[in-house]
Amino acid sequence: MSWITDVAPKIKTLFKRDAPDSLWIKCPDSGQVVFQKDVEANQWVIPGSGHHMRLSATQRLMLTFDEGQWTDVPVPEVDSDPLKFRDTKRYSDRLKEARTKTGLPDAIKVGMGTVEGLPMTVAAHDPDFIGGSLGVAAGEAFIRGAETAIERATPYVAFTASGGARMQEGILSLMQMARTTVLIQRLRERKLPYIVVLTNPTTGGVTASYAMLGDVHMAEPGALIGFAGPRVIEQTIREHLPDGFQRAEFLKEHGMVDMVVHRHDLRSTLARLCRLLMRLPAHGVEMTPDTMVDNGSDLHEADRPAPSAEQSNPL
């Protein structure tokens, strides 16, 4: 009896093997089963079908910045549950679950780093944080990212992946549509590029605000982009929608998206576009915010007028 209780558990531990939860991934488009490490090595794109898997905000920043390194932009803290909302469960409990799942305080993560040597500020939605929905905290994160881009005189890039406004925060969530628009206008006044990369899915209030206000709109292949979903539209107009409706390729054909770019080419395309828009030399010349060439606006901090009280707090 002593041998069973003392030795047997140690034998089980000795031969125990740690294995990941899933070694294989099934492609949502083709049904192809692929080794997960192969998909990860291919930037989370299914090798056979080219289907672009969804990325977390951290994965997105890692793939975007040089050597996968960046500095997190601190975001102001806000009231987590301003309306004390409750449906099938308390909103505060949903937030706790989402924070545990993603390791993020809210749906948008902002980083500052370089992309092919060009300083850049990047905001990325995390679709696993309550569907990447836009609430007060996410709005503050986007605004802080834009303010950082203005302070550092860098381009601002937003990777969108959202189901829209977070209705547990009611009108406070919808207010973020207007607040983010104000900061985009400030970027334009400073002649700093604002580029949006639309990923799957980008819908609702995010599409109705900052996702469609970029200087250039890029999209990943196959991304769902729209306001209301296809099923809702079909039920409303009582007509069958065209094949591929609201997908990135369809929107490009109809002028809503400027270009559809494979994930492998996003970094180089972003860097090239930003250099063209800011009239900077081609890649190969090391650039910093202090050495950027003035492109018609007061980009150097020493030459900038101090912001007014209204500019510091638009709403």
C-alpha atoms as a PDB file:
ATOM      1  CA  MET A   1       0.000   0.000   0.000  1.00  0.00           C
ATOM      2  CA  SER A   2       2.873   2.314   0.843  1.00  0.00           C
ATOM      3  CA  TRP A   3       4.530   1.646  -2.546  1.00  0.00           C
ATOM      4  CA  ILE A   4       1.318   2.529  -4.434  1.00  0.00           C
ATOM      5  CA  THR A   5       0.783   5.792  -2.587  1.00  0.00           C
ATOM      6  CA  ASP A   6       4.433   6.917  -2.639  1.00  0.00           C
ATOM      7  CA  VAL A   7       5.951   5.650  -5.889  1.00  0.00           C
ATOM      8  CA  ALA A   8       3.084   5.446  -8.389  1.00  0.00           C
ATOM      9  CA  PRO A   9       2.385   9.233  -8.515  1.00  0.00           C
ATOM     10  CA  LYS A  10       6.103   9.888  -9.156  1.00  0.00           C
ATOM     11  CA  ILE A  11       6.100   7.457 -12.092  1.00  0.00           C
ATOM     12  CA  LYS A  12       3.118   9.242 -13.643  1.00  0.00           C
ATOM     13  CA  THR A  13       4.891  12.579 -13.268  1.00  0.00           C
ATOM     14  CA  LEU A  14       8.080  11.169 -14.783  1.00  0.00           C
ATOM     15  CA  PHE A  15       6.357  10.113 -17.995  1.00  0.00           C
ATOM     16  CA  LYS A  16       3.978  13.070 -18.227  1.00  0.00           C
ATOM     17  CA  ARG A  17       4.324  15.021 -21.492  1.00  0.00           C
ATOM     18  CA  ASP A  18       3.352  18.639 -21.925  1.00  0.00           C
ATOM     19  CA  ALA A  19       1.463  19.113 -25.188  1.00  0.00           C
ATOM     20  CA  PRO A  20      -0.234  22.228 -26.566  1.00  0.00           C
ATOM     21  CA  ASP A  21      -4.011  22.411 -26.599  1.00  0.00           C
ATOM     22  CA  SER A  22      -4.100  22.076 -30.359  1.00  0.00           C
ATOM     23  CA  LEU A  23      -1.421  20.933 -32.782  1.00  0.00           C
ATOM     24  CA  TRP A  24      -3.605  21.428 -35.839  1.00  0.00           C
ATOM     25  CA  ILE A  25      -5.697  24.238 -37.315  1.00  0.00           C
ATOM     26  CA  LYS A  26      -8.638  23.777 -39.649  1.00  0.00           C
ATOM     27  CA  CYS A  27      -8.971  26.397 -42.373  1.00  0.00           C
ATOM     28  CA  PRO A  28     -12.417  28.080 -42.157  1.00  0.00           C
ATOM     29  CA  ASP A  29     -12.517  28.463 -45.962  1.00  0.00           C
ATOM     30  CA  SER A  30     -11.254  25.188 -47.392  1.00  0.00           C
ATOM     31  CA  GLY A  31     -11.495  22.840 -44.424  1.00  0.00           C
ATOM     32  CA  GLN A  32      -7.795  22.087 -44.855  1.00  0.00           C
ATOM     33  CA  VAL A  33      -6.088  20.817 -41.684  1.00  0.00           C
ATOM     34  CA  VAL A  34      -2.665  22.392 -41.175  1.00  0.00           C
ATOM     35  CA  PHE A  35       0.066  21.988 -38.572  1.00  0.00           C
ATOM     36  CA  GLN A  36      -0.202  24.982 -36.233  1.00  0.00           C
ATOM     37  CA  LYS A  37       3.533  25.724 -36.260  1.00  0.00           C
ATOM     38  CA  ASP A  38       3.443  25.982 -40.062  1.00  0.00           C
ATOM     39  CA  VAL A  39       0.624  28.535 -39.833  1.00  0.00           C
ATOM     40  CA  GLU A  40       2.433  30.503 -37.152  1.00  0.00           C
ATOM     41  CA  ALA A  41       5.629  30.562 -39.213  1.00  0.00           C
ATOM     42  CA  ASN A  42       3.555  31.881 -42.131  1.00  0.00           C
ATOM     43  CA  GLN A  43       2.322  34.867 -40.067  1.00  0.00           C
ATOM     44  CA  TRP A  44      -0.923  33.050 -39.256  1.00  0.00           C
ATOM     45  CA  VAL A  45      -1.917  32.695 -42.906  1.00  0.00           C
ATOM     46  CA  ILE A  46      -3.086  29.218 -44.021  1.00  0.00           C
ATOM     47  CA  PRO A  47      -0.396  28.138 -46.552  1.00  0.00           C
ATOM     48  CA  GLY A  48      -2.741  26.401 -48.987  1.00  0.00           C
ATOM     49  CA  SER A  49      -5.817  28.621 -49.103  1.00  0.00           C
ATOM     50  CA  GLY A  50      -4.252  31.947 -48.104  1.00  0.00           C
ATOM     51  CA  HIS A  51      -6.913  32.475 -45.419  1.00  0.00           C
ATOM     52  CA  HIS A  52      -5.790  35.164 -42.967  1.00  0.00           C
ATOM     53  CA  MET A  53      -6.403  34.055 -39.387  1.00  0.00           C
ATOM     54  CA  ARG A  54      -7.374  36.646 -36.798  1.00  0.00           C
ATOM     55  CA  LEU A  55      -4.540  38.093 -34.718  1.00  0.00           C
ATOM     56  CA  SER A  56      -4.462  39.422 -31.189  1.00  0.00           C
ATOM     57  CA  ALA A  57      -3.347  43.018 -30.685  1.00  0.00           C
ATOM     58  CA  THR A  58       0.015  41.841 -29.338  1.00  0.00           C
ATOM     59  CA  GLN A  59       0.569  39.530 -32.320  1.00  0.00           C
ATOM     60  CA  ARG A  60      -0.316  42.371 -34.669  1.00  0.00           C
ATOM     61  CA  LEU A  61       2.234  44.734 -33.138  1.00  0.00           C
ATOM     62  CA  MET A  62       4.851  42.003 -33.092  1.00  0.00           C
ATOM     63  CA  LEU A  63       4.439  41.369 -36.829  1.00  0.00           C
ATOM     64  CA  THR A  64       4.404  45.088 -37.652  1.00  0.00           C
ATOM     65  CA  PHE A  65       7.357  46.580 -35.782  1.00  0.00           C
ATOM     66  CA  ASP A  66      11.008  45.949 -36.605  1.00  0.00           C
ATOM     67  CA  GLU A  67      12.298  42.826 -34.835  1.00  0.00           C
ATOM     68  CA  GLY A  68       8.923  42.586 -33.078  1.00  0.00           C
ATOM     69  CA  GLN A  69       9.916  45.237 -30.536  1.00  0.00           C
ATOM     70  CA  TRP A  70       8.059  48.372 -29.500  1.00  0.00           C
ATOM     71  CA  THR A  71       7.277  50.626 -26.552  1.00  0.00           C
ATOM     72  CA  ASP A  72       3.767  50.472 -25.129  1.00  0.00           C
ATOM     73  CA  VAL A  73       1.963  53.800 -25.083  1.00  0.00           C
ATOM     74  CA  PRO A  74       0.350  54.260 -21.641  1.00  0.00           C
ATOM     75  CA  VAL A  75      -3.402  54.767 -21.724  1.00  0.00           C
ATOM     76  CA  PRO A  76      -5.422  56.779 -19.162  1.00  0.00           C
ATOM     77  CA  GLU A  77      -7.582  54.753 -16.790  1.00  0.00           C
ATOM     78  CA  VAL A  78     -11.346  55.172 -17.076  1.00  0.00           C
ATOM     79  CA  ASP A  79     -14.414  53.998 -15.176  1.00  0.00           C
ATOM     80  CA  SER A  80     -14.761  50.342 -16.174  1.00  0.00           C
ATOM     81  CA  ASP A  81     -18.551  50.140 -15.766  1.00  0.00           C
ATOM     82  CA  PRO A  82     -19.980  53.686 -15.837  1.00  0.00           C
ATOM     83  CA  LEU A  83     -23.613  52.562 -16.292  1.00  0.00           C
ATOM     84  CA  LYS A  84     -23.472  49.527 -13.957  1.00  0.00           C
ATOM     85  CA  PHE A  85     -24.906  47.549 -16.867  1.00  0.00           C
ATOM     86  CA  ARG A  86     -26.204  44.010 -16.570  1.00  0.00           C
ATOM     87  CA  ASP A  87     -27.777  41.622 -19.083  1.00  0.00           C
ATOM     88  CA  THR A  88     -27.354  37.858 -18.625  1.00  0.00           C
ATOM     89  CA  LYS A  89     -24.333  38.746 -16.472  1.00  0.00           C
ATOM     90  CA  ARG A  90     -22.784  41.880 -15.082  1.00  0.00           C
ATOM     91  CA  TYR A  91     -20.712  43.944 -17.488  1.00  0.00           C
ATOM     92  CA  SER A  92     -17.948  44.186 -14.892  1.00  0.00           C
ATOM     93  CA  ASP A  93     -17.724  40.368 -14.932  1.00  0.00           C
ATOM     94  CA  ARG A  94     -17.475  40.356 -18.727  1.00  0.00           C
ATOM     95  CA  LEU A  95     -14.590  42.821 -18.504  1.00  0.00           C
ATOM     96  CA  LYS A  96     -12.770  40.660 -15.970  1.00  0.00           C
ATOM     97  CA  GLU A  97     -13.136  37.613 -18.208  1.00  0.00           C
ATOM     98  CA  ALA A  98     -11.896  39.516 -21.263  1.00  0.00           C
ATOM     99  CA  ARG A  99      -8.898  40.916 -19.381  1.00  0.00           C
ATOM    100  CA  THR A 100      -7.983  37.453 -18.108  1.00  0.00           C
ATOM    101  CA  LYS A 101      -8.336  35.976 -21.600  1.00  0.00           C
ATOM    102  CA  THR A 102      -6.320  38.616 -23.474  1.00  0.00           C
ATOM    103  CA  GLY A 103      -4.042  40.086 -20.810  1.00  0.00           C
ATOM    104  CA  LEU A 104      -5.084  43.571 -21.986  1.00  0.00           C
ATOM    105  CA  PRO A 105      -6.915  46.339 -20.096  1.00  0.00           C
ATOM    106  CA  ASP A 106      -9.259  46.865 -23.070  1.00  0.00           C
ATOM    107  CA  ALA A 107      -9.787  46.252 -26.787  1.00  0.00           C
ATOM    108  CA  ILE A 108      -7.097  48.552 -28.247  1.00  0.00           C
ATOM    109  CA  LYS A 109      -3.352  48.330 -27.670  1.00  0.00           C
ATOM    110  CA  VAL A 110      -1.044  51.135 -28.808  1.00  0.00           C
ATOM    111  CA  GLY A 111       2.667  50.874 -29.475  1.00  0.00           C
ATOM    112  CA  MET A 112       5.482  53.151 -30.627  1.00  0.00           C
ATOM    113  CA  GLY A 113       8.406  51.781 -32.620  1.00  0.00           C
ATOM    114  CA  THR A 114       9.942  51.615 -36.079  1.00  0.00           C
ATOM    115  CA  VAL A 115       8.731  49.947 -39.274  1.00  0.00           C
ATOM    116  CA  GLU A 116      11.608  49.443 -41.714  1.00  0.00           C
ATOM    117  CA  GLY A 117      13.486  52.144 -39.841  1.00  0.00           C
ATOM    118  CA  LEU A 118      10.628  54.673 -39.914  1.00  0.00           C
ATOM    119  CA  PRO A 119       9.236  55.754 -36.512  1.00  0.00           C
ATOM    120  CA  MET A 120       5.552  54.910 -36.365  1.00  0.00           C
ATOM    121  CA  THR A 121       2.685  54.850 -33.869  1.00  0.00           C
ATOM    122  CA  VAL A 122       0.361  51.862 -34.240  1.00  0.00           C
ATOM    123  CA  ALA A 123      -3.008  51.093 -32.632  1.00  0.00           C
ATOM    124  CA  ALA A 124      -4.390  47.563 -32.916  1.00  0.00           C
ATOM    125  CA  HIS A 125      -7.781  46.113 -31.999  1.00  0.00           C
ATOM    126  CA  ASP A 126      -7.902  42.777 -30.206  1.00  0.00           C
ATOM    127  CA  PRO A 127     -10.942  40.855 -31.548  1.00  0.00           C
ATOM    128  CA  ASP A 128     -10.893  38.559 -28.509  1.00  0.00           C
ATOM    129  CA  PHE A 129     -11.658  41.439 -26.129  1.00  0.00           C
ATOM    130  CA  ILE A 130     -15.475  41.493 -26.291  1.00  0.00           C
ATOM    131  CA  GLY A 131     -15.301  41.361 -30.083  1.00  0.00           C
ATOM    132  CA  GLY A 132     -12.821  44.246 -30.274  1.00  0.00           C
ATOM    133  CA  SER A 133     -15.730  46.558 -29.480  1.00  0.00           C
ATOM    134  CA  LEU A 134     -15.324  50.304 -29.016  1.00  0.00           C
ATOM    135  CA  GLY A 135     -15.940  51.594 -25.509  1.00  0.00           C
ATOM    136  CA  VAL A 136     -14.681  54.521 -23.470  1.00  0.00           C
ATOM    137  CA  ALA A 137     -11.357  52.840 -22.642  1.00  0.00           C
ATOM    138  CA  ALA A 138     -10.756  51.818 -26.264  1.00  0.00           C
ATOM    139  CA  GLY A 139     -11.625  55.344 -27.397  1.00  0.00           C
ATOM    140  CA  GLU A 140      -9.128  56.791 -24.924  1.00  0.00           C
ATOM    141  CA  ALA A 141      -6.473  54.384 -26.214  1.00  0.00           C
ATOM    142  CA  PHE A 142      -7.063  55.424 -29.837  1.00  0.00           C
ATOM    143  CA  ILE A 143      -6.983  59.108 -28.878  1.00  0.00           C
ATOM    144  CA  ARG A 144      -3.793  58.687 -26.859  1.00  0.00           C
ATOM    145  CA  GLY A 145      -2.227  56.961 -29.843  1.00  0.00           C
ATOM    146  CA  ALA A 146      -3.124  59.889 -32.105  1.00  0.00           C
ATOM    147  CA  GLU A 147      -1.780  62.374 -29.562  1.00  0.00           C
ATOM    148  CA  THR A 148       1.471  60.391 -29.376  1.00  0.00           C
ATOM    149  CA  ALA A 149       1.777  60.465 -33.165  1.00  0.00           C
ATOM    150  CA  ILE A 150       1.317  64.247 -33.106  1.00  0.00           C
ATOM    151  CA  GLU A 151       3.828  64.728 -30.278  1.00  0.00           C
ATOM    152  CA  ARG A 152       6.435  62.527 -31.983  1.00  0.00           C
ATOM    153  CA  ALA A 153       5.575  63.672 -35.532  1.00  0.00           C
ATOM    154  CA  THR A 154       5.089  60.083 -36.707  1.00  0.00           C
ATOM    155  CA  PRO A 155       2.531  58.450 -38.988  1.00  0.00           C
ATOM    156  CA  TYR A 156      -0.438  56.880 -37.208  1.00  0.00           C
ATOM    157  CA  VAL A 157      -1.586  53.410 -38.298  1.00  0.00           C
ATOM    158  CA  ALA A 158      -4.767  51.733 -37.031  1.00  0.00           C
ATOM    159  CA  PHE A 159      -5.429  48.004 -37.433  1.00  0.00           C
ATOM    160  CA  THR A 160      -9.180  47.585 -37.023  1.00  0.00           C
ATOM    161  CA  ALA A 161     -10.946  44.360 -36.027  1.00  0.00           C
ATOM    162  CA  SER A 162     -14.208  45.116 -34.280  1.00  0.00           C
ATOM    163  CA  GLY A 163     -17.876  44.300 -34.047  1.00  0.00           C
ATOM    164  CA  GLY A 164     -18.643  47.987 -33.472  1.00  0.00           C
ATOM    165  CA  ALA A 165     -19.642  50.112 -30.493  1.00  0.00           C
ATOM    166  CA  ARG A 166     -19.872  48.434 -27.087  1.00  0.00           C
ATOM    167  CA  MET A 167     -23.511  48.830 -26.201  1.00  0.00           C
ATOM    168  CA  GLN A 168     -22.993  47.970 -22.505  1.00  0.00           C
ATOM    169  CA  GLU A 169     -21.665  51.536 -22.277  1.00  0.00           C
ATOM    170  CA  GLY A 170     -24.578  53.105 -24.162  1.00  0.00           C
ATOM    171  CA  ILE A 171     -24.211  56.684 -25.360  1.00  0.00           C
ATOM    172  CA  LEU A 172     -20.731  56.906 -23.806  1.00  0.00           C
ATOM    173  CA  SER A 173     -19.578  54.312 -26.329  1.00  0.00           C
ATOM    174  CA  LEU A 174     -21.156  56.181 -29.252  1.00  0.00           C
ATOM    175  CA  MET A 175     -19.438  59.400 -28.147  1.00  0.00           C
ATOM    176  CA  GLN A 176     -16.086  57.819 -29.003  1.00  0.00           C
ATOM    177  CA  MET A 177     -17.008  57.985 -32.698  1.00  0.00           C
ATOM    178  CA  ALA A 178     -16.999  61.783 -32.524  1.00  0.00           C
ATOM    179  CA  ARG A 179     -14.003  62.073 -30.192  1.00  0.00           C
ATOM    180  CA  THR A 180     -11.748  59.933 -32.368  1.00  0.00           C
ATOM    181  CA  THR A 181     -12.772  61.930 -35.444  1.00  0.00           C
ATOM    182  CA  VAL A 182     -11.516  65.132 -33.804  1.00  0.00           C
ATOM    183  CA  LEU A 183      -8.037  63.633 -33.366  1.00  0.00           C
ATOM    184  CA  ILE A 184      -7.943  62.456 -36.983  1.00  0.00           C
ATOM    185  CA  GLN A 185      -8.572  66.034 -38.060  1.00  0.00           C
ATOM    186  CA  ARG A 186      -5.645  67.172 -35.915  1.00  0.00           C
ATOM    187  CA  LEU A 187      -3.397  64.643 -37.629  1.00  0.00           C
ATOM    188  CA  ARG A 188      -4.425  66.120 -40.981  1.00  0.00           C
ATOM    189  CA  GLU A 189      -3.733  69.654 -39.770  1.00  0.00           C
ATOM    190  CA  ARG A 190      -0.194  68.545 -38.921  1.00  0.00           C
ATOM    191  CA  LYS A 191       0.041  66.721 -42.291  1.00  0.00           C
ATOM    192  CA  LEU A 192       0.820  63.431 -40.599  1.00  0.00           C
ATOM    193  CA  PRO A 193      -0.337  60.275 -42.420  1.00  0.00           C
ATOM    194  CA  TYR A 194      -3.229  58.342 -40.922  1.00  0.00           C
ATOM    195  CA  ILE A 195      -3.481  54.897 -42.489  1.00  0.00           C
ATOM    196  CA  VAL A 196      -6.134  52.298 -41.694  1.00  0.00           C
ATOM    197  CA  VAL A 197      -5.638  48.571 -42.184  1.00  0.00           C
ATOM    198  CA  LEU A 198      -9.048  46.903 -42.209  1.00  0.00           C
ATOM    199  CA  THR A 199      -8.940  43.318 -40.950  1.00  0.00           C
ATOM    200  CA  ASN A 200     -11.598  40.676 -40.401  1.00  0.00           C
ATOM    201  CA  PRO A 201     -14.096  41.809 -39.197  1.00  0.00           C
ATOM    202  CA  THR A 202     -14.494  45.605 -39.202  1.00  0.00           C
ATOM    203  CA  THR A 203     -18.140  46.548 -38.668  1.00  0.00           C
ATOM    204  CA  GLY A 204     -20.588  48.791 -36.831  1.00  0.00           C
ATOM    205  CA  GLY A 205     -19.603  52.060 -35.190  1.00  0.00           C
ATOM    206  CA  VAL A 206     -15.899  51.542 -35.843  1.00  0.00           C
ATOM    207  CA  THR A 207     -16.581  51.414 -39.589  1.00  0.00           C
ATOM    208  CA  ALA A 208     -18.829  54.460 -39.194  1.00  0.00           C
ATOM    209  CA  SER A 209     -16.008  56.490 -37.636  1.00  0.00           C
ATOM    210  CA  TYR A 210     -12.223  56.243 -37.652  1.00  0.00           C
ATOM    211  CA  ALA A 211     -11.971  53.037 -39.695  1.00  0.00           C
ATOM    212  CA  MET A 212     -13.134  54.833 -42.856  1.00  0.00           C
ATOM    213  CA  LEU A 213     -11.435  58.200 -42.313  1.00  0.00           C
ATOM    214  CA  GLY A 214      -7.893  57.247 -43.274  1.00  0.00           C
ATOM    215  CA  ASP A 215      -5.716  58.922 -45.866  1.00  0.00           C
ATOM    216  CA  VAL A 216      -5.251  55.428 -47.300  1.00  0.00           C
ATOM    217  CA  HIS A 217      -7.430  52.387 -46.651  1.00  0.00           C
ATOM    218  CA  MET A 218      -5.748  49.025 -46.856  1.00  0.00           C
ATOM    219  CA  ALA A 219      -7.429  45.681 -46.189  1.00  0.00           C
ATOM    220  CA  GLU A 220      -6.327  42.125 -45.657  1.00  0.00           C
ATOM    221  CA  PRO A 221      -7.649  39.572 -48.174  1.00  0.00           C
ATOM    222  CA  GLY A 222     -11.132  38.281 -47.412  1.00  0.00           C
ATOM    223  CA  ALA A 223     -11.793  40.723 -44.565  1.00  0.00           C
ATOM    224  CA  LEU A 224     -15.454  41.413 -43.764  1.00  0.00           C
ATOM    225  CA  ILE A 225     -15.980  45.191 -43.829  1.00  0.00           C
ATOM    226  CA  GLY A 226     -19.302  46.952 -43.414  1.00  0.00           C
ATOM    227  CA  PHE A 227     -21.750  48.574 -41.040  1.00  0.00           C
ATOM    228  CA  ALA A 228     -24.611  46.088 -40.667  1.00  0.00           C
ATOM    229  CA  GLY A 229     -24.055  42.409 -41.359  1.00  0.00           C
ATOM    230  CA  PRO A 230     -25.088  40.777 -44.667  1.00  0.00           C
ATOM    231  CA  ARG A 231     -27.942  38.840 -43.045  1.00  0.00           C
ATOM    232  CA  VAL A 232     -29.454  42.019 -41.565  1.00  0.00           C
ATOM    233  CA  ILE A 233     -29.181  43.815 -44.904  1.00  0.00           C
ATOM    234  CA  GLU A 234     -30.834  40.964 -46.793  1.00  0.00           C
ATOM    235  CA  GLN A 235     -33.714  40.882 -44.319  1.00  0.00           C
ATOM    236  CA  THR A 236     -34.128  44.655 -44.576  1.00  0.00           C
ATOM    237  CA  ILE A 237     -34.053  45.090 -48.371  1.00  0.00           C
ATOM    238  CA  ARG A 238     -35.497  41.596 -49.081  1.00  0.00           C
ATOM    239  CA  GLU A 239     -32.962  40.948 -51.822  1.00  0.00           C
ATOM    240  CA  HIS A 240     -30.123  38.491 -52.274  1.00  0.00           C
ATOM    241  CA  LEU A 241     -26.716  40.155 -51.977  1.00  0.00           C
ATOM    242  CA  PRO A 242     -23.957  39.620 -54.578  1.00  0.00           C
ATOM    243  CA  ASP A 243     -21.297  36.989 -53.936  1.00  0.00           C
ATOM    244  CA  GLY A 244     -18.443  38.375 -51.858  1.00  0.00           C
ATOM    245  CA  PHE A 245     -20.538  41.350 -50.705  1.00  0.00           C
ATOM    246  CA  GLN A 246     -18.762  43.362 -47.955  1.00  0.00           C
ATOM    247  CA  ARG A 247     -15.505  41.485 -48.466  1.00  0.00           C
ATOM    248  CA  ALA A 248     -12.255  43.377 -49.003  1.00  0.00           C
ATOM    249  CA  GLU A 249     -11.986  42.515 -52.695  1.00  0.00           C
ATOM    250  CA  PHE A 250     -15.594  43.584 -53.380  1.00  0.00           C
ATOM    251  CA  LEU A 251     -15.046  46.917 -51.622  1.00  0.00           C
ATOM    252  CA  LYS A 252     -11.858  47.554 -53.563  1.00  0.00           C
ATOM    253  CA  GLU A 253     -13.693  47.002 -56.857  1.00  0.00           C
ATOM    254  CA  HIS A 254     -16.328  49.539 -55.771  1.00  0.00           C
ATOM    255  CA  GLY A 255     -13.937  52.207 -54.503  1.00  0.00           C
ATOM    256  CA  MET A 256     -14.360  51.821 -50.743  1.00  0.00           C
ATOM    257  CA  VAL A 257     -10.879  50.355 -50.189  1.00  0.00           C
ATOM    258  CA  ASP A 258      -7.685  51.585 -51.845  1.00  0.00           C
ATOM    259  CA  MET A 259      -5.755  48.333 -51.837  1.00  0.00           C
ATOM    260  CA  VAL A 260      -5.950  44.729 -50.647  1.00  0.00           C
ATOM    261  CA  VAL A 261      -2.571  43.714 -49.244  1.00  0.00           C
ATOM    262  CA  HIS A 262      -1.372  40.268 -48.192  1.00  0.00           C
ATOM    263  CA  ARG A 263      -0.153  40.107 -44.607  1.00  0.00           C
ATOM    264  CA  HIS A 264       3.366  39.280 -45.795  1.00  0.00           C
ATOM    265  CA  ASP A 265       3.524  42.631 -47.615  1.00  0.00           C
ATOM    266  CA  LEU A 266       1.919  44.873 -44.987  1.00  0.00           C
ATOM    267  CA  ARG A 267       5.091  46.102 -43.299  1.00  0.00           C
ATOM    268  CA  SER A 268       6.845  47.120 -46.499  1.00  0.00           C
ATOM    269  CA  THR A 269       3.685  48.699 -47.930  1.00  0.00           C
ATOM    270  CA  LEU A 270       3.037  50.733 -44.779  1.00  0.00           C
ATOM    271  CA  ALA A 271       6.626  51.998 -44.635  1.00  0.00           C
ATOM    272  CA  ARG A 272       6.663  52.895 -48.340  1.00  0.00           C
ATOM    273  CA  LEU A 273       3.321  54.740 -48.165  1.00  0.00           C
ATOM    274  CA  CYS A 274       4.292  56.717 -45.077  1.00  0.00           C
ATOM    275  CA  ARG A 275       7.608  57.769 -46.599  1.00  0.00           C
ATOM    276  CA  LEU A 276       5.836  58.936 -49.755  1.00  0.00           C
ATOM    277  CA  LEU A 277       3.177  60.868 -47.833  1.00  0.00           C
ATOM    278  CA  MET A 278       5.778  62.524 -45.596  1.00  0.00           C
ATOM    279  CA  ARG A 279       8.218  63.178 -48.476  1.00  0.00           C
ATOM    280  CA  LEU A 280      10.962  61.197 -46.801  1.00  0.00           C
ATOM    281  CA  PRO A 281      13.885  59.338 -48.399  1.00  0.00           C
ATOM    282  CA  ALA A 282      13.494  55.699 -49.364  1.00  0.00           C
ATOM    283  CA  HIS A 283      14.244  52.914 -46.919  1.00  0.00           C
ATOM    284  CA  GLY A 284      17.934  52.632 -46.102  1.00  0.00           C
ATOM    285  CA  VAL A 285      18.366  56.099 -44.596  1.00  0.00           C
ATOM    286  CA  GLU A 286      17.960  55.917 -40.837  1.00  0.00           C
ATOM    287  CA  MET A 287      15.271  58.328 -39.650  1.00  0.00           C
ATOM    288  CA  THR A 288      14.176  59.553 -36.224  1.00  0.00           C
ATOM    289  CA  PRO A 289      11.427  62.006 -35.255  1.00  0.00           C
ATOM    290  CA  ASP A 290      14.087  64.698 -34.659  1.00  0.00           C
ATOM    291  CA  THR A 291      15.550  64.355 -38.150  1.00  0.00           C
ATOM    292  CA  MET A 292      12.333  64.177 -40.188  1.00  0.00           C
ATOM    293  CA  VAL A 293      12.129  66.633 -43.060  1.00  0.00           C
ATOM    294  CA  ASP A 294       9.473  69.317 -42.756  1.00  0.00           C
ATOM    295  CA  ASN A 295       6.775  68.538 -45.313  1.00  0.00           C
ATOM    296  CA  GLY A 296       4.986  71.857 -45.147  1.00  0.00           C
ATOM    297  CA  SER A 297       3.856  71.666 -41.537  1.00  0.00           C
ATOM    298  CA  ASP A 298       5.602  72.546 -38.282  1.00  0.00           C
ATOM    299  CA  LEU A 299       6.925  69.080 -37.470  1.00  0.00           C
ATOM    300  CA  HIS A 300       9.800  70.117 -35.223  1.00  0.00           C
ATOM    301  CA  GLU A 301       8.753  70.363 -31.600  1.00  0.00           C
ATOM    302  CA  ALA A 302      10.725  73.562 -30.998  1.00  0.00           C
ATOM    303  CA  ASP A 303       8.891  75.342 -33.807  1.00  0.00           C
ATOM    304  CA  ARG A 304       5.403  74.224 -32.827  1.00  0.00           C
ATOM    305  CA  PRO A 305       2.999  76.642 -31.151  1.00  0.00           C
ATOM    306  CA  ALA A 306       1.722  75.468 -27.793  1.00  0.00           C
ATOM    307  CA  PRO A 307      -1.700  73.778 -28.056  1.00  0.00           C
ATOM    308  CA  SER A 308      -4.648  75.799 -26.875  1.00  0.00           C
ATOM    309  CA  ALA A 309      -6.896  74.664 -24.038  1.00  0.00           C
ATOM    310  CA  GLU A 310      -9.539  73.686 -26.576  1.00  0.00           C
ATOM    311  CA  GLN A 311      -7.023  71.566 -28.511  1.00  0.00           C
ATOM    312  CA  SER A 312      -5.869  69.850 -25.324  1.00  0.00           C
ATOM    313  CA  ASN A 313      -9.414  68.833 -24.406  1.00  0.00           C
ATOM    314  CA  PRO A 314     -11.622  68.745 -27.511  1.00  0.00           C
ATOM    315  CA  LEU A 315     -14.746  67.424 -25.798  1.00  0.00           C
END
